[in-house]
Amino acid sequence: MIEKLKNSDLEIAKKMRLIFQASYKVEAKLLNATNFPPLKRPLEN
């Protein structure tokens, strides 16, 4: 079942960020990028 996440909840936002950061690391590696801005985004964004 698809469920809408409440990303304004800090704990949920932290978990989402962990998933995004992991995927960005893979993307940066595939692109051979040494400077990949999404990996530097703070949680507030």
N, C-alpha and C. Protein backbone atom coordinates (compact mmCIF):
# COMPACT_ATOMS: atom_id res chain seq x y z
N MET A 1 0.84 -1.17 0.00
CA MET A 1 0.00 0.00 0.00
C MET A 1 0.89 1.24 0.00
N ILE A 2 0.50 2.21 -0.77
CA ILE A 2 1.22 3.48 -0.80
C ILE A 2 0.66 4.38 0.28
N GLU A 3 1.57 4.96 1.03
CA GLU A 3 1.16 5.83 2.13
C GLU A 3 1.93 7.14 2.04
N LYS A 4 1.22 8.25 2.18
CA LYS A 4 1.86 9.56 2.14
C LYS A 4 2.66 9.76 3.42
N LEU A 5 3.93 10.14 3.27
CA LEU A 5 4.79 10.37 4.42
C LEU A 5 4.65 11.80 4.91
N LYS A 6 4.71 11.95 6.21
CA LYS A 6 4.63 13.28 6.82
C LYS A 6 6.06 13.79 6.99
N ASN A 7 6.61 14.36 5.92
CA ASN A 7 8.01 14.76 5.95
C ASN A 7 8.27 15.98 6.83
N SER A 8 7.23 16.57 7.40
CA SER A 8 7.44 17.66 8.35
C SER A 8 7.79 17.11 9.74
N ASP A 9 7.58 15.80 9.93
CA ASP A 9 7.97 15.13 11.17
C ASP A 9 9.49 14.92 11.11
N LEU A 10 10.21 15.45 12.08
CA LEU A 10 11.67 15.43 12.04
C LEU A 10 12.24 14.02 11.93
N GLU A 11 11.69 13.06 12.65
CA GLU A 11 12.21 11.68 12.60
C GLU A 11 12.00 11.07 11.21
N ILE A 12 10.86 11.31 10.62
CA ILE A 12 10.59 10.81 9.27
C ILE A 12 11.51 11.50 8.27
N ALA A 13 11.69 12.80 8.42
CA ALA A 13 12.58 13.56 7.53
C ALA A 13 14.01 13.02 7.61
N LYS A 14 14.46 12.68 8.80
CA LYS A 14 15.82 12.14 8.96
C LYS A 14 15.96 10.80 8.23
N LYS A 15 14.94 9.94 8.34
CA LYS A 15 14.99 8.64 7.67
C LYS A 15 14.96 8.81 6.16
N MET A 16 14.13 9.74 5.70
CA MET A 16 14.07 10.00 4.26
C MET A 16 15.42 10.51 3.75
N ARG A 17 16.04 11.37 4.52
CA ARG A 17 17.33 11.93 4.12
C ARG A 17 18.39 10.83 4.01
N LEU A 18 18.37 9.88 4.94
CA LEU A 18 19.32 8.77 4.87
C LEU A 18 19.17 7.99 3.57
N ILE A 19 17.93 7.76 3.17
CA ILE A 19 17.67 7.03 1.92
C ILE A 19 18.15 7.85 0.72
N PHE A 20 17.81 9.14 0.70
CA PHE A 20 18.24 9.99 -0.40
C PHE A 20 19.76 10.08 -0.47
N GLN A 21 20.42 10.24 0.66
CA GLN A 21 21.88 10.36 0.68
C GLN A 21 22.52 9.08 0.14
N ALA A 22 21.97 7.93 0.50
CA ALA A 22 22.51 6.66 -0.01
C ALA A 22 22.36 6.59 -1.53
N SER A 23 21.21 7.02 -2.04
CA SER A 23 21.00 6.98 -3.49
C SER A 23 21.88 8.00 -4.21
N TYR A 24 22.09 9.16 -3.59
CA TYR A 24 22.96 10.17 -4.19
C TYR A 24 24.41 9.68 -4.25
N LYS A 25 24.84 8.92 -3.26
CA LYS A 25 26.20 8.37 -3.29
C LYS A 25 26.37 7.43 -4.46
N VAL A 26 25.36 6.60 -4.71
CA VAL A 26 25.41 5.68 -5.85
C VAL A 26 25.43 6.48 -7.15
N GLU A 27 24.58 7.49 -7.25
CA GLU A 27 24.53 8.32 -8.45
C GLU A 27 25.86 9.02 -8.70
N ALA A 28 26.45 9.58 -7.66
CA ALA A 28 27.74 10.26 -7.80
C ALA A 28 28.81 9.29 -8.28
N LYS A 29 28.78 8.08 -7.75
CA LYS A 29 29.77 7.07 -8.15
C LYS A 29 29.58 6.70 -9.62
N LEU A 30 28.33 6.51 -10.04
CA LEU A 30 28.06 6.17 -11.44
C LEU A 30 28.50 7.27 -12.39
N LEU A 31 28.41 8.51 -11.93
CA LEU A 31 28.80 9.66 -12.76
C LEU A 31 30.27 10.03 -12.61
N ASN A 32 30.97 9.30 -11.74
CA ASN A 32 32.37 9.62 -11.42
C ASN A 32 32.51 11.06 -10.96
N ALA A 33 31.54 11.53 -10.20
CA ALA A 33 31.53 12.91 -9.72
C ALA A 33 32.30 13.02 -8.41
N THR A 34 33.18 13.98 -8.33
CA THR A 34 33.91 14.22 -7.08
C THR A 34 33.23 15.30 -6.25
N ASN A 35 32.48 16.18 -6.91
CA ASN A 35 31.75 17.23 -6.22
C ASN A 35 30.28 17.09 -6.62
N PHE A 36 29.47 16.52 -5.75
CA PHE A 36 28.07 16.24 -6.06
C PHE A 36 27.19 17.00 -5.08
N PRO A 37 26.65 18.17 -5.48
CA PRO A 37 25.90 19.04 -4.57
C PRO A 37 24.79 18.38 -3.75
N PRO A 38 24.02 17.43 -4.29
CA PRO A 38 22.97 16.84 -3.45
C PRO A 38 23.50 16.19 -2.17
N LEU A 39 24.74 15.74 -2.19
CA LEU A 39 25.32 15.13 -0.99
C LEU A 39 25.63 16.16 0.09
N LYS A 40 25.64 17.42 -0.29
CA LYS A 40 25.99 18.48 0.66
C LYS A 40 24.78 19.23 1.20
N ARG A 41 23.58 18.87 0.74
CA ARG A 41 22.38 19.57 1.19
C ARG A 41 22.09 19.27 2.66
N PRO A 42 21.80 20.32 3.42
CA PRO A 42 21.44 20.10 4.83
C PRO A 42 20.01 19.59 4.94
N LEU A 43 19.68 19.05 6.07
CA LEU A 43 18.34 18.51 6.31
C LEU A 43 17.26 19.57 6.12
N GLU A 44 17.56 20.81 6.45
CA GLU A 44 16.56 21.88 6.38
C GLU A 44 16.03 22.08 4.97
N ASN A 45 16.82 21.73 3.95
CA ASN A 45 16.38 21.91 2.57
C ASN A 45 15.60 20.70 2.15
